[in-house]
Amino acid sequence: MEEERLSAFERDQALRKTFQIFDRKNMGMIGPNEIWAVLKNMGKDFSLDEIEEMVDEVDEDGKNRITYSEFVQLVMGEN
């Protein structure tokens, strides 16, 4: 049980660090352009349209920017 909690904690820490990489302006929100730029620098081949579609799936307020909790939904596939 403690091992399960630790791994959940470690997963959360890794997700937070990843979100901070995308959130270069430290605004607490990221948009498709920030996500696309980081992924492109990592050698990932996503189009901006594909990323916009992914963001739309989890963007609860429709502002085309996602918060950390929405980012977790996107990464973990929790819709």
PDB file of N, CA and C in Angstrom:
ATOM      1  N   MET A   1       0.829  -1.198   0.000  1.00  0.00           N
ATOM      2  CA  MET A   1       0.000   0.000   0.000  1.00  0.00           C
ATOM      3  C   MET A   1       0.872   1.260   0.000  1.00  0.00           C
ATOM      4  N   GLU A   2       1.881   1.285   0.854  1.00  0.00           N
ATOM      5  CA  GLU A   2       2.764   2.446   0.884  1.00  0.00           C
ATOM      6  C   GLU A   2       3.519   2.583  -0.437  1.00  0.00           C
ATOM      7  N   GLU A   3       3.912   1.453  -1.019  1.00  0.00           N
ATOM      8  CA  GLU A   3       4.603   1.465  -2.307  1.00  0.00           C
ATOM      9  C   GLU A   3       3.704   2.048  -3.394  1.00  0.00           C
ATOM     10  N   GLU A   4       2.406   1.726  -3.338  1.00  0.00           N
ATOM     11  CA  GLU A   4       1.447   2.258  -4.311  1.00  0.00           C
ATOM     12  C   GLU A   4       1.326   3.768  -4.166  1.00  0.00           C
ATOM     13  N   ARG A   5       1.278   4.263  -2.923  1.00  0.00           N
ATOM     14  CA  ARG A   5       1.195   5.704  -2.686  1.00  0.00           C
ATOM     15  C   ARG A   5       2.455   6.410  -3.171  1.00  0.00           C
ATOM     16  N   LEU A   6       3.598   5.794  -2.921  1.00  0.00           N
ATOM     17  CA  LEU A   6       4.854   6.382  -3.348  1.00  0.00           C
ATOM     18  C   LEU A   6       4.906   6.488  -4.867  1.00  0.00           C
ATOM     19  N   SER A   7       4.474   5.443  -5.554  1.00  0.00           N
ATOM     20  CA  SER A   7       4.520   5.500  -7.010  1.00  0.00           C
ATOM     21  C   SER A   7       3.536   6.539  -7.542  1.00  0.00           C
ATOM     22  N   ALA A   8       2.394   6.709  -6.898  1.00  0.00           N
ATOM     23  CA  ALA A   8       1.446   7.752  -7.305  1.00  0.00           C
ATOM     24  C   ALA A   8       2.069   9.127  -7.077  1.00  0.00           C
ATOM     25  N   PHE A   9       2.773   9.278  -5.957  1.00  0.00           N
ATOM     26  CA  PHE A   9       3.464  10.535  -5.662  1.00  0.00           C
ATOM     27  C   PHE A   9       4.536  10.806  -6.712  1.00  0.00           C
ATOM     28  N   GLU A  10       5.317   9.789  -7.034  1.00  0.00           N
ATOM     29  CA  GLU A  10       6.372   9.933  -8.038  1.00  0.00           C
ATOM     30  C   GLU A  10       5.787  10.266  -9.410  1.00  0.00           C
ATOM     31  N   ARG A  11       4.663   9.639  -9.748  1.00  0.00           N
ATOM     32  CA  ARG A  11       3.999   9.929 -11.025  1.00  0.00           C
ATOM     33  C   ARG A  11       3.546  11.386 -11.060  1.00  0.00           C
ATOM     34  N   ASP A  12       2.963  11.858  -9.946  1.00  0.00           N
ATOM     35  CA  ASP A  12       2.507  13.239  -9.876  1.00  0.00           C
ATOM     36  C   ASP A  12       3.681  14.202 -10.024  1.00  0.00           C
ATOM     37  N   GLN A  13       4.785  13.903  -9.364  1.00  0.00           N
ATOM     38  CA  GLN A  13       5.968  14.765  -9.464  1.00  0.00           C
ATOM     39  C   GLN A  13       6.486  14.817 -10.905  1.00  0.00           C
ATOM     40  N   ALA A  14       6.527  13.672 -11.569  1.00  0.00           N
ATOM     41  CA  ALA A  14       6.992  13.624 -12.960  1.00  0.00           C
ATOM     42  C   ALA A  14       6.057  14.414 -13.874  1.00  0.00           C
ATOM     43  N   LEU A  15       4.743  14.289 -13.641  1.00  0.00           N
ATOM     44  CA  LEU A  15       3.780  15.038 -14.454  1.00  0.00           C
ATOM     45  C   LEU A  15       3.923  16.539 -14.227  1.00  0.00           C
ATOM     46  N   ARG A  16       4.125  16.946 -12.976  1.00  0.00           N
ATOM     47  CA  ARG A  16       4.308  18.376 -12.679  1.00  0.00           C
ATOM     48  C   ARG A  16       5.559  18.932 -13.362  1.00  0.00           C
ATOM     49  N   LYS A  17       6.644  18.171 -13.305  1.00  0.00           N
ATOM     50  CA  LYS A  17       7.879  18.614 -13.961  1.00  0.00           C
ATOM     51  C   LYS A  17       7.673  18.726 -15.470  1.00  0.00           C
ATOM     52  N   THR A  18       6.969  17.770 -16.037  1.00  0.00           N
ATOM     53  CA  THR A  18       6.697  17.803 -17.475  1.00  0.00           C
ATOM     54  C   THR A  18       5.842  19.012 -17.830  1.00  0.00           C
ATOM     55  N   PHE A  19       4.801  19.280 -17.029  1.00  0.00           N
ATOM     56  CA  PHE A  19       3.945  20.440 -17.271  1.00  0.00           C
ATOM     57  C   PHE A  19       4.772  21.724 -17.231  1.00  0.00           C
ATOM     58  N   GLN A  20       5.690  21.813 -16.274  1.00  0.00           N
ATOM     59  CA  GLN A  20       6.528  23.010 -16.156  1.00  0.00           C
ATOM     60  C   GLN A  20       7.417  23.206 -17.382  1.00  0.00           C
ATOM     61  N   ILE A  21       7.836  22.117 -18.013  1.00  0.00           N
ATOM     62  CA  ILE A  21       8.625  22.229 -19.243  1.00  0.00           C
ATOM     63  C   ILE A  21       7.797  22.909 -20.331  1.00  0.00           C
ATOM     64  N   PHE A  22       6.528  22.528 -20.446  1.00  0.00           N
ATOM     65  CA  PHE A  22       5.641  23.131 -21.442  1.00  0.00           C
ATOM     66  C   PHE A  22       5.270  24.563 -21.065  1.00  0.00           C
ATOM     67  N   ASP A  23       5.089  24.820 -19.773  1.00  0.00           N
ATOM     68  CA  ASP A  23       4.638  26.121 -19.269  1.00  0.00           C
ATOM     69  C   ASP A  23       5.836  27.045 -19.045  1.00  0.00           C
ATOM     70  N   ARG A  24       6.486  27.425 -20.116  1.00  0.00           N
ATOM     71  CA  ARG A  24       7.718  28.219 -20.033  1.00  0.00           C
ATOM     72  C   ARG A  24       7.506  29.605 -19.429  1.00  0.00           C
ATOM     73  N   LYS A  25       6.312  30.153 -19.567  1.00  0.00           N
ATOM     74  CA  LYS A  25       6.024  31.478 -19.015  1.00  0.00           C
ATOM     75  C   LYS A  25       5.497  31.395 -17.586  1.00  0.00           C
ATOM     76  N   ASN A  26       5.388  30.188 -17.053  1.00  0.00           N
ATOM     77  CA  ASN A  26       4.933  29.957 -15.681  1.00  0.00           C
ATOM     78  C   ASN A  26       3.572  30.607 -15.413  1.00  0.00           C
ATOM     79  N   MET A  27       2.634  30.400 -16.341  1.00  0.00           N
ATOM     80  CA  MET A  27       1.299  30.976 -16.220  1.00  0.00           C
ATOM     81  C   MET A  27       0.289  30.000 -15.623  1.00  0.00           C
ATOM     82  N   GLY A  28       0.686  28.740 -15.489  1.00  0.00           N
ATOM     83  CA  GLY A  28      -0.241  27.741 -14.965  1.00  0.00           C
ATOM     84  C   GLY A  28      -1.174  27.178 -16.022  1.00  0.00           C
ATOM     85  N   MET A  29      -0.952  27.574 -17.255  1.00  0.00           N
ATOM     86  CA  MET A  29      -1.755  27.085 -18.377  1.00  0.00           C
ATOM     87  C   MET A  29      -0.847  26.946 -19.589  1.00  0.00           C
ATOM     88  N   ILE A  30      -1.188  25.986 -20.457  1.00  0.00           N
ATOM     89  CA  ILE A  30      -0.425  25.819 -21.694  1.00  0.00           C
ATOM     90  C   ILE A  30      -1.388  25.671 -22.861  1.00  0.00           C
ATOM     91  N   GLY A  31      -0.943  26.127 -24.008  1.00  0.00           N
ATOM     92  CA  GLY A  31      -1.755  26.025 -25.209  1.00  0.00           C
ATOM     93  C   GLY A  31      -1.108  25.114 -26.232  1.00  0.00           C
ATOM     94  N   PRO A  32      -1.810  24.884 -27.316  1.00  0.00           N
ATOM     95  CA  PRO A  32      -1.302  23.991 -28.358  1.00  0.00           C
ATOM     96  C   PRO A  32       0.072  24.391 -28.893  1.00  0.00           C
ATOM     97  N   ASN A  33       0.324  25.687 -29.032  1.00  0.00           N
ATOM     98  CA  ASN A  33       1.615  26.127 -29.577  1.00  0.00           C
ATOM     99  C   ASN A  33       2.778  25.745 -28.669  1.00  0.00           C
ATOM    100  N   GLU A  34       2.597  25.896 -27.350  1.00  0.00           N
ATOM    101  CA  GLU A  34       3.658  25.513 -26.412  1.00  0.00           C
ATOM    102  C   GLU A  34       3.908  24.011 -26.463  1.00  0.00           C
ATOM    103  N   ILE A  35       2.829  23.252 -26.499  1.00  0.00           N
ATOM    104  CA  ILE A  35       2.952  21.795 -26.555  1.00  0.00           C
ATOM    105  C   ILE A  35       3.647  21.380 -27.843  1.00  0.00           C
ATOM    106  N   TRP A  36       3.221  21.957 -28.959  1.00  0.00           N
ATOM    107  CA  TRP A  36       3.805  21.623 -30.258  1.00  0.00           C
ATOM    108  C   TRP A  36       5.296  21.940 -30.293  1.00  0.00           C
ATOM    109  N   ALA A  37       5.691  23.104 -29.775  1.00  0.00           N
ATOM    110  CA  ALA A  37       7.099  23.514 -29.811  1.00  0.00           C
ATOM    111  C   ALA A  37       7.984  22.553 -29.019  1.00  0.00           C
ATOM    112  N   VAL A  38       7.541  22.174 -27.827  1.00  0.00           N
ATOM    113  CA  VAL A  38       8.341  21.256 -27.009  1.00  0.00           C
ATOM    114  C   VAL A  38       8.427  19.891 -27.674  1.00  0.00           C
ATOM    115  N   LEU A  39       7.296  19.388 -28.151  1.00  0.00           N
ATOM    116  CA  LEU A  39       7.305  18.075 -28.801  1.00  0.00           C
ATOM    117  C   LEU A  39       8.177  18.082 -30.054  1.00  0.00           C
ATOM    118  N   LYS A  40       8.133  19.174 -30.803  1.00  0.00           N
ATOM    119  CA  LYS A  40       8.966  19.280 -32.003  1.00  0.00           C
ATOM    120  C   LYS A  40      10.444  19.233 -31.624  1.00  0.00           C
ATOM    121  N   ASN A  41      10.820  19.954 -30.561  1.00  0.00           N
ATOM    122  CA  ASN A  41      12.210  19.941 -30.094  1.00  0.00           C
ATOM    123  C   ASN A  41      12.638  18.564 -29.609  1.00  0.00           C
ATOM    124  N   MET A  42      11.674  17.752 -29.191  1.00  0.00           N
ATOM    125  CA  MET A  42      11.960  16.392 -28.738  1.00  0.00           C
ATOM    126  C   MET A  42      11.987  15.407 -29.908  1.00  0.00           C
ATOM    127  N   GLY A  43      11.731  15.917 -31.113  1.00  0.00           N
ATOM    128  CA  GLY A  43      11.744  15.057 -32.292  1.00  0.00           C
ATOM    129  C   GLY A  43      10.434  14.328 -32.539  1.00  0.00           C
ATOM    130  N   LYS A  44       9.364  14.746 -31.860  1.00  0.00           N
ATOM    131  CA  LYS A  44       8.047  14.130 -32.048  1.00  0.00           C
ATOM    132  C   LYS A  44       7.345  14.817 -33.205  1.00  0.00           C
ATOM    133  N   ASP A  45       6.708  14.032 -34.047  1.00  0.00           N
ATOM    134  CA  ASP A  45       6.111  14.554 -35.274  1.00  0.00           C
ATOM    135  C   ASP A  45       4.592  14.643 -35.156  1.00  0.00           C
ATOM    136  N   PHE A  46       4.121  15.673 -34.457  1.00  0.00           N
ATOM    137  CA  PHE A  46       2.693  15.956 -34.363  1.00  0.00           C
ATOM    138  C   PHE A  46       2.429  17.248 -35.114  1.00  0.00           C
ATOM    139  N   SER A  47       1.311  17.309 -35.807  1.00  0.00           N
ATOM    140  CA  SER A  47       0.931  18.578 -36.434  1.00  0.00           C
ATOM    141  C   SER A  47       0.245  19.441 -35.377  1.00  0.00           C
ATOM    142  N   LEU A  48       0.233  20.732 -35.615  1.00  0.00           N
ATOM    143  CA  LEU A  48      -0.448  21.642 -34.702  1.00  0.00           C
ATOM    144  C   LEU A  48      -1.933  21.298 -34.630  1.00  0.00           C
ATOM    145  N   ASP A  49      -2.522  20.898 -35.753  1.00  0.00           N
ATOM    146  CA  ASP A  49      -3.937  20.504 -35.767  1.00  0.00           C
ATOM    147  C   ASP A  49      -4.194  19.317 -34.841  1.00  0.00           C
ATOM    148  N   GLU A  50      -3.297  18.331 -34.857  1.00  0.00           N
ATOM    149  CA  GLU A  50      -3.455  17.164 -33.981  1.00  0.00           C
ATOM    150  C   GLU A  50      -3.407  17.574 -32.514  1.00  0.00           C
ATOM    151  N   ILE A  51      -2.489  18.461 -32.192  1.00  0.00           N
ATOM    152  CA  ILE A  51      -2.360  18.906 -30.806  1.00  0.00           C
ATOM    153  C   ILE A  51      -3.573  19.728 -30.399  1.00  0.00           C
ATOM    154  N   GLU A  52      -4.071  20.569 -31.293  1.00  0.00           N
ATOM    155  CA  GLU A  52      -5.275  21.351 -30.993  1.00  0.00           C
ATOM    156  C   GLU A  52      -6.455  20.432 -30.702  1.00  0.00           C
ATOM    157  N   GLU A  53      -6.580  19.347 -31.447  1.00  0.00           N
ATOM    158  CA  GLU A  53      -7.657  18.379 -31.198  1.00  0.00           C
ATOM    159  C   GLU A  53      -7.509  17.737 -29.821  1.00  0.00           C
ATOM    160  N   MET A  54      -6.282  17.375 -29.446  1.00  0.00           N
ATOM    161  CA  MET A  54      -6.047  16.773 -28.134  1.00  0.00           C
ATOM    162  C   MET A  54      -6.396  17.752 -27.016  1.00  0.00           C
ATOM    163  N   VAL A  55      -5.997  19.009 -27.191  1.00  0.00           N
ATOM    164  CA  VAL A  55      -6.289  20.035 -26.189  1.00  0.00           C
ATOM    165  C   VAL A  55      -7.795  20.233 -26.077  1.00  0.00           C
ATOM    166  N   ASP A  56      -8.490  20.283 -27.212  1.00  0.00           N
ATOM    167  CA  ASP A  56      -9.946  20.461 -27.207  1.00  0.00           C
ATOM    168  C   ASP A  56     -10.661  19.376 -26.408  1.00  0.00           C
ATOM    169  N   GLU A  57     -10.126  18.158 -26.426  1.00  0.00           N
ATOM    170  CA  GLU A  57     -10.761  17.048 -25.716  1.00  0.00           C
ATOM    171  C   GLU A  57     -10.805  17.254 -24.208  1.00  0.00           C
ATOM    172  N   VAL A  58      -9.820  17.964 -23.652  1.00  0.00           N
ATOM    173  CA  VAL A  58      -9.753  18.118 -22.194  1.00  0.00           C
ATOM    174  C   VAL A  58      -9.962  19.549 -21.719  1.00  0.00           C
ATOM    175  N   ASP A  59     -10.015  20.505 -22.623  1.00  0.00           N
ATOM    176  CA  ASP A  59     -10.148  21.922 -22.274  1.00  0.00           C
ATOM    177  C   ASP A  59     -11.567  22.207 -21.789  1.00  0.00           C
ATOM    178  N   GLU A  60     -11.720  22.304 -20.471  1.00  0.00           N
ATOM    179  CA  GLU A  60     -13.056  22.435 -19.878  1.00  0.00           C
ATOM    180  C   GLU A  60     -13.687  23.806 -20.080  1.00  0.00           C
ATOM    181  N   ASP A  61     -12.881  24.875 -20.147  1.00  0.00           N
ATOM    182  CA  ASP A  61     -13.471  26.207 -20.268  1.00  0.00           C
ATOM    183  C   ASP A  61     -13.474  26.748 -21.699  1.00  0.00           C
ATOM    184  N   GLY A  62     -12.951  25.967 -22.645  1.00  0.00           N
ATOM    185  CA  GLY A  62     -12.991  26.351 -24.048  1.00  0.00           C
ATOM    186  C   GLY A  62     -12.081  27.500 -24.437  1.00  0.00           C
ATOM    187  N   LYS A  63     -11.054  27.791 -23.628  1.00  0.00           N
ATOM    188  CA  LYS A  63     -10.158  28.911 -23.915  1.00  0.00           C
ATOM    189  C   LYS A  63      -8.917  28.504 -24.713  1.00  0.00           C
ATOM    190  N   ASN A  64      -8.878  27.250 -25.164  1.00  0.00           N
ATOM    191  CA  ASN A  64      -7.767  26.732 -25.971  1.00  0.00           C
ATOM    192  C   ASN A  64      -6.447  26.726 -25.205  1.00  0.00           C
ATOM    193  N   ARG A  65      -6.530  26.645 -23.889  1.00  0.00           N
ATOM    194  CA  ARG A  65      -5.374  26.515 -23.006  1.00  0.00           C
ATOM    195  C   ARG A  65      -5.779  25.530 -21.919  1.00  0.00           C
ATOM    196  N   ILE A  66      -4.829  24.722 -21.455  1.00  0.00           N
ATOM    197  CA  ILE A  66      -5.178  23.737 -20.443  1.00  0.00           C
ATOM    198  C   ILE A  66      -4.393  23.956 -19.159  1.00  0.00           C
ATOM    199  N   THR A  67      -5.046  23.647 -18.054  1.00  0.00           N
ATOM    200  CA  THR A  67      -4.441  23.728 -16.733  1.00  0.00           C
ATOM    201  C   THR A  67      -3.687  22.433 -16.446  1.00  0.00           C
ATOM    202  N   TYR A  68      -3.030  22.387 -15.301  1.00  0.00           N
ATOM    203  CA  TYR A  68      -2.310  21.172 -14.920  1.00  0.00           C
ATOM    204  C   TYR A  68      -3.261  19.981 -14.829  1.00  0.00           C
ATOM    205  N   SER A  69      -4.420  20.160 -14.200  1.00  0.00           N
ATOM    206  CA  SER A  69      -5.347  19.026 -14.052  1.00  0.00           C
ATOM    207  C   SER A  69      -5.852  18.547 -15.412  1.00  0.00           C
ATOM    208  N   GLU A  70      -6.079  19.458 -16.340  1.00  0.00           N
ATOM    209  CA  GLU A  70      -6.481  19.061 -17.693  1.00  0.00           C
ATOM    210  C   GLU A  70      -5.327  18.365 -18.418  1.00  0.00           C
ATOM    211  N   PHE A  71      -4.102  18.825 -18.158  1.00  0.00           N
ATOM    212  CA  PHE A  71      -2.913  18.188 -18.728  1.00  0.00           C
ATOM    213  C   PHE A  71      -2.813  16.742 -18.253  1.00  0.00           C
ATOM    214  N   VAL A  72      -3.077  16.521 -16.966  1.00  0.00           N
ATOM    215  CA  VAL A  72      -3.048  15.156 -16.423  1.00  0.00           C
ATOM    216  C   VAL A  72      -4.088  14.298 -17.134  1.00  0.00           C
ATOM    217  N   GLN A  73      -5.285  14.837 -17.344  1.00  0.00           N
ATOM    218  CA  GLN A  73      -6.324  14.101 -18.077  1.00  0.00           C
ATOM    219  C   GLN A  73      -5.838  13.736 -19.472  1.00  0.00           C
ATOM    220  N   LEU A  74      -5.177  14.679 -20.131  1.00  0.00           N
ATOM    221  CA  LEU A  74      -4.676  14.450 -21.484  1.00  0.00           C
ATOM    222  C   LEU A  74      -3.621  13.349 -21.498  1.00  0.00           C
ATOM    223  N   VAL A  75      -2.659  13.441 -20.600  1.00  0.00           N
ATOM    224  CA  VAL A  75      -1.549  12.484 -20.571  1.00  0.00           C
ATOM    225  C   VAL A  75      -2.001  11.100 -20.116  1.00  0.00           C
ATOM    226  N   MET A  76      -2.866  11.071 -19.112  1.00  0.00           N
ATOM    227  CA  MET A  76      -3.284   9.799 -18.526  1.00  0.00           C
ATOM    228  C   MET A  76      -4.489   9.197 -19.244  1.00  0.00           C
ATOM    229  N   GLY A  77      -5.082   9.950 -20.180  1.00  0.00           N
ATOM    230  CA  GLY A  77      -6.236   9.439 -20.916  1.00  0.00           C
ATOM    231  C   GLY A  77      -7.494   9.374 -20.081  1.00  0.00           C
ATOM    232  N   GLU A  78      -7.622  10.298 -19.134  1.00  0.00           N
ATOM    233  CA  GLU A  78      -8.776  10.323 -18.230  1.00  0.00           C
ATOM    234  C   GLU A  78      -9.737  11.410 -18.673  1.00  0.00           C
ATOM    235  N   ASN A  79     -10.696  11.065 -19.498  1.00  0.00           N
ATOM    236  CA  ASN A  79     -11.688  12.054 -19.962  1.00  0.00           C
ATOM    237  C   ASN A  79     -12.951  11.951 -19.179  1.00  0.00           C
TER     238      ASN A  79
END
